[in-house]
Amino acid sequence: MTHKSAEDDFALRWTKSSHSSNDGPDCVEVAAIPGSILVRDSKNPQGPRLSFAPGTWTSFLSHTTEH
């Protein structure tokens, strides 16, 4: 699911992934809204965003930190 609203940019606190770099092509940012975690490409902040349920996001993170 995608979530996009120009008003959200002013209210959201986007956090860049610690695995992203300023000179690399893979930069991801996340922000939390009630009931969802939003994910976007930091190099395209006005582009599409993915929306995940908090439980789904937590499950994803647990799998990524296992390696």
PDB file of N, CA and C in Angstrom:
ATOM      1  N   MET A   1       0.848  -1.171   0.000  1.00  0.00           N
ATOM      2  CA  MET A   1       0.000   0.000   0.000  1.00  0.00           C
ATOM      3  C   MET A   1       0.894   1.235   0.000  1.00  0.00           C
ATOM      4  N   THR A   2       0.501   2.240  -0.739  1.00  0.00           N
ATOM      5  CA  THR A   2       1.255   3.483  -0.737  1.00  0.00           C
ATOM      6  C   THR A   2       0.470   4.554  -0.006  1.00  0.00           C
ATOM      7  N   HIS A   3       1.179   5.494   0.546  1.00  0.00           N
ATOM      8  CA  HIS A   3       0.569   6.585   1.299  1.00  0.00           C
ATOM      9  C   HIS A   3       1.272   7.855   0.879  1.00  0.00           C
ATOM     10  N   LYS A   4       0.510   8.850   0.449  1.00  0.00           N
ATOM     11  CA  LYS A   4       1.143  10.084  -0.029  1.00  0.00           C
ATOM     12  C   LYS A   4       0.250  11.266   0.278  1.00  0.00           C
ATOM     13  N   SER A   5       0.810  12.243   0.920  1.00  0.00           N
ATOM     14  CA  SER A   5       0.115  13.495   1.173  1.00  0.00           C
ATOM     15  C   SER A   5       1.150  14.584   1.394  1.00  0.00           C
ATOM     16  N   ALA A   6       1.018  15.689   0.713  1.00  0.00           N
ATOM     17  CA  ALA A   6       1.982  16.780   0.851  1.00  0.00           C
ATOM     18  C   ALA A   6       2.008  17.309   2.276  1.00  0.00           C
ATOM     19  N   GLU A   7       0.871  17.309   2.950  1.00  0.00           N
ATOM     20  CA  GLU A   7       0.812  17.800   4.320  1.00  0.00           C
ATOM     21  C   GLU A   7       1.635  16.939   5.268  1.00  0.00           C
ATOM     22  N   ASP A   8       1.748  15.657   4.962  1.00  0.00           N
ATOM     23  CA  ASP A   8       2.486  14.734   5.828  1.00  0.00           C
ATOM     24  C   ASP A   8       3.953  15.120   5.963  1.00  0.00           C
ATOM     25  N   ASP A   9       4.547  15.682   4.919  1.00  0.00           N
ATOM     26  CA  ASP A   9       5.966  16.019   4.957  1.00  0.00           C
ATOM     27  C   ASP A   9       6.296  16.974   6.095  1.00  0.00           C
ATOM     28  N   PHE A  10       5.373  17.841   6.449  1.00  0.00           N
ATOM     29  CA  PHE A  10       5.619  18.814   7.507  1.00  0.00           C
ATOM     30  C   PHE A  10       5.467  18.196   8.888  1.00  0.00           C
ATOM     31  N   ALA A  11       4.632  17.183   9.020  1.00  0.00           N
ATOM     32  CA  ALA A  11       4.353  16.587  10.315  1.00  0.00           C
ATOM     33  C   ALA A  11       5.201  15.350  10.597  1.00  0.00           C
ATOM     34  N   LEU A  12       5.747  14.740   9.572  1.00  0.00           N
ATOM     35  CA  LEU A  12       6.474  13.489   9.754  1.00  0.00           C
ATOM     36  C   LEU A  12       7.927  13.723  10.135  1.00  0.00           C
ATOM     37  N   ARG A  13       8.430  12.830  10.940  1.00  0.00           N
ATOM     38  CA  ARG A  13       9.851  12.840  11.296  1.00  0.00           C
ATOM     39  C   ARG A  13      10.494  11.650  10.590  1.00  0.00           C
ATOM     40  N   TRP A  14      11.136  11.927   9.462  1.00  0.00           N
ATOM     41  CA  TRP A  14      11.782  10.883   8.678  1.00  0.00           C
ATOM     42  C   TRP A  14      13.156  10.586   9.256  1.00  0.00           C
ATOM     43  N   THR A  15      13.472   9.305   9.351  1.00  0.00           N
ATOM     44  CA  THR A  15      14.761   8.849   9.864  1.00  0.00           C
ATOM     45  C   THR A  15      15.440   8.025   8.784  1.00  0.00           C
ATOM     46  N   LYS A  16      16.676   8.387   8.475  1.00  0.00           N
ATOM     47  CA  LYS A  16      17.436   7.677   7.450  1.00  0.00           C
ATOM     48  C   LYS A  16      18.041   6.411   8.037  1.00  0.00           C
ATOM     49  N   SER A  17      18.015   5.363   7.269  1.00  0.00           N
ATOM     50  CA  SER A  17      18.594   4.096   7.694  1.00  0.00           C
ATOM     51  C   SER A  17      20.074   4.259   7.998  1.00  0.00           C
ATOM     52  N   SER A  18      20.539   3.602   9.044  1.00  0.00           N
ATOM     53  CA  SER A  18      21.963   3.644   9.380  1.00  0.00           C
ATOM     54  C   SER A  18      22.804   2.904   8.336  1.00  0.00           C
ATOM     55  N   HIS A  19      22.165   2.110   7.489  1.00  0.00           N
ATOM     56  CA  HIS A  19      22.879   1.394   6.429  1.00  0.00           C
ATOM     57  C   HIS A  19      22.927   2.198   5.134  1.00  0.00           C
ATOM     58  N   SER A  20      22.294   3.360   5.113  1.00  0.00           N
ATOM     59  CA  SER A  20      22.314   4.217   3.930  1.00  0.00           C
ATOM     60  C   SER A  20      23.522   5.135   3.995  1.00  0.00           C
ATOM     61  N   SER A  21      23.969   5.546   2.827  1.00  0.00           N
ATOM     62  CA  SER A  21      25.063   6.512   2.772  1.00  0.00           C
ATOM     63  C   SER A  21      24.644   7.667   1.877  1.00  0.00           C
ATOM     64  N   ASN A  22      25.297   8.783   2.010  1.00  0.00           N
ATOM     65  CA  ASN A  22      24.954   9.943   1.195  1.00  0.00           C
ATOM     66  C   ASN A  22      25.378   9.792  -0.257  1.00  0.00           C
ATOM     67  N   ASP A  23      26.353   8.938  -0.523  1.00  0.00           N
ATOM     68  CA  ASP A  23      26.841   8.799  -1.889  1.00  0.00           C
ATOM     69  C   ASP A  23      26.458   7.469  -2.533  1.00  0.00           C
ATOM     70  N   GLY A  24      25.673   6.658  -1.857  1.00  0.00           N
ATOM     71  CA  GLY A  24      25.251   5.380  -2.406  1.00  0.00           C
ATOM     72  C   GLY A  24      23.856   5.436  -2.995  1.00  0.00           C
ATOM     73  N   PRO A  25      23.511   4.465  -3.822  1.00  0.00           N
ATOM     74  CA  PRO A  25      22.197   4.474  -4.463  1.00  0.00           C
ATOM     75  C   PRO A  25      21.073   3.936  -3.568  1.00  0.00           C
ATOM     76  N   ASP A  26      21.406   3.313  -2.458  1.00  0.00           N
ATOM     77  CA  ASP A  26      20.401   2.659  -1.625  1.00  0.00           C
ATOM     78  C   ASP A  26      20.172   3.430  -0.337  1.00  0.00           C
ATOM     79  N   CYS A  27      19.269   4.392  -0.372  1.00  0.00           N
ATOM     80  CA  CYS A  27      18.988   5.208   0.798  1.00  0.00           C
ATOM     81  C   CYS A  27      17.510   5.090   1.144  1.00  0.00           C
ATOM     82  N   VAL A  28      17.248   4.638   2.336  1.00  0.00           N
ATOM     83  CA  VAL A  28      15.871   4.422   2.783  1.00  0.00           C
ATOM     84  C   VAL A  28      15.617   5.254   4.024  1.00  0.00           C
ATOM     85  N   GLU A  29      14.425   5.847   4.097  1.00  0.00           N
ATOM     86  CA  GLU A  29      13.994   6.585   5.275  1.00  0.00           C
ATOM     87  C   GLU A  29      12.664   6.018   5.745  1.00  0.00           C
ATOM     88  N   VAL A  30      12.443   6.083   7.048  1.00  0.00           N
ATOM     89  CA  VAL A  30      11.183   5.612   7.625  1.00  0.00           C
ATOM     90  C   VAL A  30      10.586   6.705   8.510  1.00  0.00           C
ATOM     91  N   ALA A  31       9.279   6.674   8.637  1.00  0.00           N
ATOM     92  CA  ALA A  31       8.550   7.582   9.522  1.00  0.00           C
ATOM     93  C   ALA A  31       7.342   6.823  10.067  1.00  0.00           C
ATOM     94  N   ALA A  32       6.947   7.177  11.274  1.00  0.00           N
ATOM     95  CA  ALA A  32       5.793   6.518  11.898  1.00  0.00           C
ATOM     96  C   ALA A  32       4.597   7.467  11.920  1.00  0.00           C
ATOM     97  N   ILE A  33       3.443   6.920  11.584  1.00  0.00           N
ATOM     98  CA  ILE A  33       2.171   7.607  11.760  1.00  0.00           C
ATOM     99  C   ILE A  33       1.294   6.648  12.553  1.00  0.00           C
ATOM    100  N   PRO A  34       0.231   7.102  13.147  1.00  0.00           N
ATOM    101  CA  PRO A  34      -0.614   6.182  13.911  1.00  0.00           C
ATOM    102  C   PRO A  34      -1.080   5.002  13.047  1.00  0.00           C
ATOM    103  N   GLY A  35      -0.703   3.816  13.461  1.00  0.00           N
ATOM    104  CA  GLY A  35      -1.123   2.596  12.784  1.00  0.00           C
ATOM    105  C   GLY A  35      -0.293   2.168  11.596  1.00  0.00           C
ATOM    106  N   SER A  36       0.751   2.907  11.233  1.00  0.00           N
ATOM    107  CA  SER A  36       1.555   2.557  10.059  1.00  0.00           C
ATOM    108  C   SER A  36       2.993   3.027  10.201  1.00  0.00           C
ATOM    109  N   ILE A  37       3.861   2.316   9.492  1.00  0.00           N
ATOM    110  CA  ILE A  37       5.244   2.733   9.316  1.00  0.00           C
ATOM    111  C   ILE A  37       5.407   3.030   7.828  1.00  0.00           C
ATOM    112  N   LEU A  38       5.879   4.224   7.507  1.00  0.00           N
ATOM    113  CA  LEU A  38       6.066   4.627   6.117  1.00  0.00           C
ATOM    114  C   LEU A  38       7.528   4.478   5.734  1.00  0.00           C
ATOM    115  N   VAL A  39       7.775   4.083   4.502  1.00  0.00           N
ATOM    116  CA  VAL A  39       9.128   3.901   3.985  1.00  0.00           C
ATOM    117  C   VAL A  39       9.210   4.621   2.643  1.00  0.00           C
ATOM    118  N   ARG A  40      10.301   5.369   2.445  1.00  0.00           N
ATOM    119  CA  ARG A  40      10.492   6.064   1.172  1.00  0.00           C
ATOM    120  C   ARG A  40      11.958   6.039   0.772  1.00  0.00           C
ATOM    121  N   ASP A  41      12.206   6.349  -0.477  1.00  0.00           N
ATOM    122  CA  ASP A  41      13.551   6.500  -1.015  1.00  0.00           C
ATOM    123  C   ASP A  41      14.005   7.917  -0.685  1.00  0.00           C
ATOM    124  N   SER A  42      15.075   8.064   0.075  1.00  0.00           N
ATOM    125  CA  SER A  42      15.513   9.389   0.495  1.00  0.00           C
ATOM    126  C   SER A  42      15.974  10.255  -0.679  1.00  0.00           C
ATOM    127  N   LYS A  43      16.343   9.639  -1.781  1.00  0.00           N
ATOM    128  CA  LYS A  43      16.763  10.409  -2.944  1.00  0.00           C
ATOM    129  C   LYS A  43      15.563  10.886  -3.765  1.00  0.00           C
ATOM    130  N   ASN A  44      14.367  10.416  -3.414  1.00  0.00           N
ATOM    131  CA  ASN A  44      13.139  10.815  -4.094  1.00  0.00           C
ATOM    132  C   ASN A  44      12.057  11.054  -3.041  1.00  0.00           C
ATOM    133  N   PRO A  45      12.234  12.063  -2.176  1.00  0.00           N
ATOM    134  CA  PRO A  45      11.316  12.245  -1.053  1.00  0.00           C
ATOM    135  C   PRO A  45       9.876  12.571  -1.452  1.00  0.00           C
ATOM    136  N   GLN A  46       9.664  13.075  -2.642  1.00  0.00           N
ATOM    137  CA  GLN A  46       8.300  13.363  -3.092  1.00  0.00           C
ATOM    138  C   GLN A  46       7.675  12.172  -3.823  1.00  0.00           C
ATOM    139  N   GLY A  47       8.435  11.106  -3.968  1.00  0.00           N
ATOM    140  CA  GLY A  47       7.960   9.930  -4.686  1.00  0.00           C
ATOM    141  C   GLY A  47       7.049   9.065  -3.833  1.00  0.00           C
ATOM    142  N   PRO A  48       6.749   7.869  -4.323  1.00  0.00           N
ATOM    143  CA  PRO A  48       5.836   6.972  -3.615  1.00  0.00           C
ATOM    144  C   PRO A  48       6.421   6.498  -2.284  1.00  0.00           C
ATOM    145  N   ARG A  49       5.526   6.128  -1.406  1.00  0.00           N
ATOM    146  CA  ARG A  49       5.902   5.602  -0.089  1.00  0.00           C
ATOM    147  C   ARG A  49       5.188   4.286   0.133  1.00  0.00           C
ATOM    148  N   LEU A  50       5.855   3.404   0.811  1.00  0.00           N
ATOM    149  CA  LEU A  50       5.219   2.152   1.223  1.00  0.00           C
ATOM    150  C   LEU A  50       4.702   2.326   2.636  1.00  0.00           C
ATOM    151  N   SER A  51       3.609   1.655   2.943  1.00  0.00           N
ATOM    152  CA  SER A  51       3.013   1.725   4.270  1.00  0.00           C
ATOM    153  C   SER A  51       2.901   0.307   4.823  1.00  0.00           C
ATOM    154  N   PHE A  52       3.398   0.103   6.032  1.00  0.00           N
ATOM    155  CA  PHE A  52       3.376  -1.211   6.665  1.00  0.00           C
ATOM    156  C   PHE A  52       2.673  -1.130   8.008  1.00  0.00           C
ATOM    157  N   ALA A  53       1.937  -2.160   8.343  1.00  0.00           N
ATOM    158  CA  ALA A  53       1.370  -2.269   9.688  1.00  0.00           C
ATOM    159  C   ALA A  53       2.527  -2.445  10.664  1.00  0.00           C
ATOM    160  N   PRO A  54       2.421  -1.906  11.880  1.00  0.00           N
ATOM    161  CA  PRO A  54       3.535  -2.012  12.833  1.00  0.00           C
ATOM    162  C   PRO A  54       4.016  -3.447  13.063  1.00  0.00           C
ATOM    163  N   GLY A  55       3.118  -4.401  13.161  1.00  0.00           N
ATOM    164  CA  GLY A  55       3.524  -5.790  13.365  1.00  0.00           C
ATOM    165  C   GLY A  55       4.299  -6.354  12.189  1.00  0.00           C
ATOM    166  N   THR A  56       3.891  -5.998  10.997  1.00  0.00           N
ATOM    167  CA  THR A  56       4.594  -6.428   9.785  1.00  0.00           C
ATOM    168  C   THR A  56       5.990  -5.826   9.746  1.00  0.00           C
ATOM    169  N   TRP A  57       6.099  -4.555  10.095  1.00  0.00           N
ATOM    170  CA  TRP A  57       7.402  -3.880  10.115  1.00  0.00           C
ATOM    171  C   TRP A  57       8.324  -4.517  11.150  1.00  0.00           C
ATOM    172  N   THR A  58       7.801  -4.808  12.331  1.00  0.00           N
ATOM    173  CA  THR A  58       8.593  -5.443  13.384  1.00  0.00           C
ATOM    174  C   THR A  58       9.092  -6.813  12.936  1.00  0.00           C
ATOM    175  N   SER A  59       8.230  -7.565  12.283  1.00  0.00           N
ATOM    176  CA  SER A  59       8.628  -8.876  11.768  1.00  0.00           C
ATOM    177  C   SER A  59       9.726  -8.744  10.720  1.00  0.00           C
ATOM    178  N   PHE A  60       9.581  -7.787   9.821  1.00  0.00           N
ATOM    179  CA  PHE A  60      10.601  -7.531   8.808  1.00  0.00           C
ATOM    180  C   PHE A  60      11.944  -7.198   9.454  1.00  0.00           C
ATOM    181  N   LEU A  61      11.910  -6.293  10.426  1.00  0.00           N
ATOM    182  CA  LEU A  61      13.158  -5.899  11.103  1.00  0.00           C
ATOM    183  C   LEU A  61      13.798  -7.080  11.812  1.00  0.00           C
ATOM    184  N   SER A  62      13.012  -7.937  12.435  1.00  0.00           N
ATOM    185  CA  SER A  62      13.605  -9.081  13.136  1.00  0.00           C
ATOM    186  C   SER A  62      14.308 -10.010  12.155  1.00  0.00           C
ATOM    187  N   HIS A  63      13.791 -10.136  10.941  1.00  0.00           N
ATOM    188  CA  HIS A  63      14.443 -10.974   9.925  1.00  0.00           C
ATOM    189  C   HIS A  63      15.708 -10.325   9.388  1.00  0.00           C
ATOM    190  N   THR A  64      15.718  -9.021   9.260  1.00  0.00           N
ATOM    191  CA  THR A  64      16.891  -8.363   8.699  1.00  0.00           C
ATOM    192  C   THR A  64      18.043  -8.296   9.695  1.00  0.00           C
ATOM    193  N   THR A  65      17.746  -8.306  10.983  1.00  0.00           N
ATOM    194  CA  THR A  65      18.811  -8.222  11.983  1.00  0.00           C
ATOM    195  C   THR A  65      19.371  -9.584  12.350  1.00  0.00           C
ATOM    196  N   GLU A  66      18.768 -10.666  11.856  1.00  0.00           N
ATOM    197  CA  GLU A  66      19.259 -12.015  12.148  1.00  0.00           C
ATOM    198  C   GLU A  66      20.542 -12.327  11.393  1.00  0.00           C
ATOM    199  N   HIS A  67      20.801 -11.625  10.307  1.00  0.00           N
ATOM    200  CA  HIS A  67      21.954 -11.961   9.471  1.00  0.00           C
ATOM    201  C   HIS A  67      23.139 -11.159   9.820  1.00  0.00           C
TER     202      HIS A  67
END
